[in-house]
Amino acid sequence: MSDTQALNVLLAPEGQLQGNGQLRESFHERRDRKGEDYPMWFLNSSLVNKFNLTEEEGYEAVVAEDSTTIAWLKLRFGGERLTKTFDIEELWKYANQPPEPPERIDITPPK
């Protein structure tokens, strides 16, 4: 039997949360300090659809057990807070990895 739990969600248009790499850093910081099993997951747009967070396309989300984590991320990145029941095993299976690193941009001034 799967373990389901009501968790805190931050939902935002794709790129708003992970676009500049700061969310990825936040994942690494929390897991470095609190352990690799810290209950926080990133859902890209396909996972947002898989977990039925919205019927609209083009959204990404962070899911966390701790409501203060989501509150802090909302202050930092914006987005909409909500609560949803998830299968914890499914989150670990599909959403365990932090967001992808941002695309590197060459900021070297032209010669």
C-alpha atoms as a PDB file:
ATOM      1  CA  MET A   1       0.000   0.000   0.000  1.00  0.00           C
ATOM      2  CA  SER A   2       1.341   3.417  -0.962  1.00  0.00           C
ATOM      3  CA  ASP A   3       1.976   6.121   1.593  1.00  0.00           C
ATOM      4  CA  THR A   4       0.011   9.282   0.728  1.00  0.00           C
ATOM      5  CA  GLN A   5       0.414  12.598   2.464  1.00  0.00           C
ATOM      6  CA  ALA A   6      -0.869  16.160   2.120  1.00  0.00           C
ATOM      7  CA  LEU A   7       2.082  18.308   1.082  1.00  0.00           C
ATOM      8  CA  ASN A   8       2.763  21.958   0.351  1.00  0.00           C
ATOM      9  CA  VAL A   9       3.133  23.051  -3.270  1.00  0.00           C
ATOM     10  CA  LEU A  10       4.491  26.125  -5.000  1.00  0.00           C
ATOM     11  CA  LEU A  11       3.184  26.316  -8.572  1.00  0.00           C
ATOM     12  CA  ALA A  12       4.450  28.833 -11.143  1.00  0.00           C
ATOM     13  CA  PRO A  13       4.774  29.320 -14.888  1.00  0.00           C
ATOM     14  CA  GLU A  14       7.629  27.297 -16.358  1.00  0.00           C
ATOM     15  CA  GLY A  15      10.999  29.012 -15.878  1.00  0.00           C
ATOM     16  CA  GLN A  16       9.882  31.245 -13.008  1.00  0.00           C
ATOM     17  CA  LEU A  17      11.207  28.865 -10.350  1.00  0.00           C
ATOM     18  CA  GLN A  18      14.177  27.198 -12.001  1.00  0.00           C
ATOM     19  CA  GLY A  19      15.165  29.633 -14.728  1.00  0.00           C
ATOM     20  CA  ASN A  20      18.265  31.179 -13.151  1.00  0.00           C
ATOM     21  CA  GLY A  21      19.623  28.227 -11.175  1.00  0.00           C
ATOM     22  CA  GLN A  22      18.855  29.570  -7.697  1.00  0.00           C
ATOM     23  CA  LEU A  23      16.225  26.906  -7.015  1.00  0.00           C
ATOM     24  CA  ARG A  24      18.776  24.216  -7.891  1.00  0.00           C
ATOM     25  CA  GLU A  25      21.180  25.777  -5.371  1.00  0.00           C
ATOM     26  CA  SER A  26      18.417  25.810  -2.760  1.00  0.00           C
ATOM     27  CA  PHE A  27      17.814  22.073  -3.283  1.00  0.00           C
ATOM     28  CA  HIS A  28      21.503  21.315  -2.873  1.00  0.00           C
ATOM     29  CA  GLU A  29      21.836  23.512   0.236  1.00  0.00           C
ATOM     30  CA  ARG A  30      18.878  21.870   1.987  1.00  0.00           C
ATOM     31  CA  ARG A  31      19.942  18.333   1.126  1.00  0.00           C
ATOM     32  CA  ASP A  32      23.548  19.036   2.136  1.00  0.00           C
ATOM     33  CA  ARG A  33      22.438  20.362   5.543  1.00  0.00           C
ATOM     34  CA  LYS A  34      19.430  18.130   6.244  1.00  0.00           C
ATOM     35  CA  GLY A  35      20.248  14.941   4.350  1.00  0.00           C
ATOM     36  CA  GLU A  36      19.577  13.445   0.938  1.00  0.00           C
ATOM     37  CA  ASP A  37      16.150  12.284   2.112  1.00  0.00           C
ATOM     38  CA  TYR A  38      14.936  15.843   2.841  1.00  0.00           C
ATOM     39  CA  PRO A  39      11.282  15.827   1.661  1.00  0.00           C
ATOM     40  CA  MET A  40      11.423  18.385  -1.163  1.00  0.00           C
ATOM     41  CA  TRP A  41      10.790  17.650  -4.836  1.00  0.00           C
ATOM     42  CA  PHE A  42      10.893  19.546  -8.134  1.00  0.00           C
ATOM     43  CA  LEU A  43       8.223  18.892 -10.763  1.00  0.00           C
ATOM     44  CA  ASN A  44       8.957  20.034 -14.295  1.00  0.00           C
ATOM     45  CA  SER A  45       6.013  20.695 -16.605  1.00  0.00           C
ATOM     46  CA  SER A  46       5.559  17.038 -17.568  1.00  0.00           C
ATOM     47  CA  LEU A  47       5.530  16.008 -13.885  1.00  0.00           C
ATOM     48  CA  VAL A  48       3.085  18.811 -13.039  1.00  0.00           C
ATOM     49  CA  ASN A  49       0.791  17.193 -15.601  1.00  0.00           C
ATOM     50  CA  LYS A  50       1.494  13.665 -14.322  1.00  0.00           C
ATOM     51  CA  PHE A  51       0.585  14.647 -10.748  1.00  0.00           C
ATOM     52  CA  ASN A  52      -2.469  16.656 -11.931  1.00  0.00           C
ATOM     53  CA  LEU A  53      -1.516  19.942 -10.285  1.00  0.00           C
ATOM     54  CA  THR A  54      -3.189  22.049 -12.956  1.00  0.00           C
ATOM     55  CA  GLU A  55      -5.056  21.494 -16.195  1.00  0.00           C
ATOM     56  CA  GLU A  56      -3.069  24.269 -17.870  1.00  0.00           C
ATOM     57  CA  GLU A  57       0.184  23.578 -19.723  1.00  0.00           C
ATOM     58  CA  GLY A  58       3.536  25.205 -19.013  1.00  0.00           C
ATOM     59  CA  TYR A  59       3.822  25.097 -15.221  1.00  0.00           C
ATOM     60  CA  GLU A  60       6.497  23.842 -12.851  1.00  0.00           C
ATOM     61  CA  ALA A  61       6.306  23.215  -9.110  1.00  0.00           C
ATOM     62  CA  VAL A  62       8.164  22.553  -5.895  1.00  0.00           C
ATOM     63  CA  VAL A  63       6.599  20.161  -3.397  1.00  0.00           C
ATOM     64  CA  ALA A  64       7.754  20.042   0.225  1.00  0.00           C
ATOM     65  CA  GLU A  65       6.652  18.601   3.524  1.00  0.00           C
ATOM     66  CA  ASP A  66       7.677  21.768   5.379  1.00  0.00           C
ATOM     67  CA  SER A  67       5.308  24.691   4.782  1.00  0.00           C
ATOM     68  CA  THR A  68       7.983  27.246   5.748  1.00  0.00           C
ATOM     69  CA  THR A  69      10.170  25.986   2.889  1.00  0.00           C
ATOM     70  CA  ILE A  70       7.378  26.729   0.417  1.00  0.00           C
ATOM     71  CA  ALA A  71       6.615  30.084   2.078  1.00  0.00           C
ATOM     72  CA  TRP A  72      10.267  31.113   1.726  1.00  0.00           C
ATOM     73  CA  LEU A  73      10.435  29.962  -1.905  1.00  0.00           C
ATOM     74  CA  LYS A  74       7.230  31.895  -2.672  1.00  0.00           C
ATOM     75  CA  LEU A  75       8.783  35.068  -1.267  1.00  0.00           C
ATOM     76  CA  ARG A  76      11.895  34.457  -3.341  1.00  0.00           C
ATOM     77  CA  PHE A  77      10.351  33.346  -6.645  1.00  0.00           C
ATOM     78  CA  GLY A  78       6.620  34.135  -6.565  1.00  0.00           C
ATOM     79  CA  GLY A  79       3.993  31.636  -7.638  1.00  0.00           C
ATOM     80  CA  GLU A  80       0.867  30.161  -6.089  1.00  0.00           C
ATOM     81  CA  ARG A  81       0.811  28.114  -2.874  1.00  0.00           C
ATOM     82  CA  LEU A  82      -1.510  25.150  -2.493  1.00  0.00           C
ATOM     83  CA  THR A  83      -1.814  21.836  -0.673  1.00  0.00           C
ATOM     84  CA  LYS A  84      -2.265  18.507  -2.432  1.00  0.00           C
ATOM     85  CA  THR A  85      -2.144  14.845  -1.441  1.00  0.00           C
ATOM     86  CA  PHE A  86       0.703  12.904  -3.050  1.00  0.00           C
ATOM     87  CA  ASP A  87       1.960   9.353  -3.117  1.00  0.00           C
ATOM     88  CA  ILE A  88       5.374   9.819  -1.468  1.00  0.00           C
ATOM     89  CA  GLU A  89       6.910   6.833  -3.256  1.00  0.00           C
ATOM     90  CA  GLU A  90       5.878   8.317  -6.600  1.00  0.00           C
ATOM     91  CA  LEU A  91       7.492  11.653  -5.733  1.00  0.00           C
ATOM     92  CA  TRP A  92      10.767   9.954  -4.792  1.00  0.00           C
ATOM     93  CA  LYS A  93      10.606   7.862  -7.953  1.00  0.00           C
ATOM     94  CA  TYR A  94       9.887  10.648 -10.447  1.00  0.00           C
ATOM     95  CA  ALA A  95      10.786  13.990  -8.831  1.00  0.00           C
ATOM     96  CA  ASN A  96      13.829  13.257  -6.674  1.00  0.00           C
ATOM     97  CA  GLN A  97      16.312  15.235  -8.776  1.00  0.00           C
ATOM     98  CA  PRO A  98      16.825  18.994  -8.415  1.00  0.00           C
ATOM     99  CA  PRO A  99      16.070  21.230 -11.391  1.00  0.00           C
ATOM    100  CA  GLU A 100      18.441  21.081 -14.330  1.00  0.00           C
ATOM    101  CA  PRO A 101      21.251  23.663 -14.311  1.00  0.00           C
ATOM    102  CA  PRO A 102      20.454  26.845 -16.229  1.00  0.00           C
ATOM    103  CA  GLU A 103      21.750  27.317 -19.740  1.00  0.00           C
ATOM    104  CA  ARG A 104      25.137  29.018 -19.676  1.00  0.00           C
ATOM    105  CA  ILE A 105      25.170  32.361 -21.415  1.00  0.00           C
ATOM    106  CA  ASP A 106      28.345  33.890 -22.767  1.00  0.00           C
ATOM    107  CA  ILE A 107      28.557  37.374 -21.288  1.00  0.00           C
ATOM    108  CA  THR A 108      31.993  38.147 -22.730  1.00  0.00           C
ATOM    109  CA  PRO A 109      31.922  41.606 -24.287  1.00  0.00           C
ATOM    110  CA  PRO A 110      32.345  41.585 -28.057  1.00  0.00           C
ATOM    111  CA  LYS A 111      35.818  42.491 -29.324  1.00  0.00           C
END
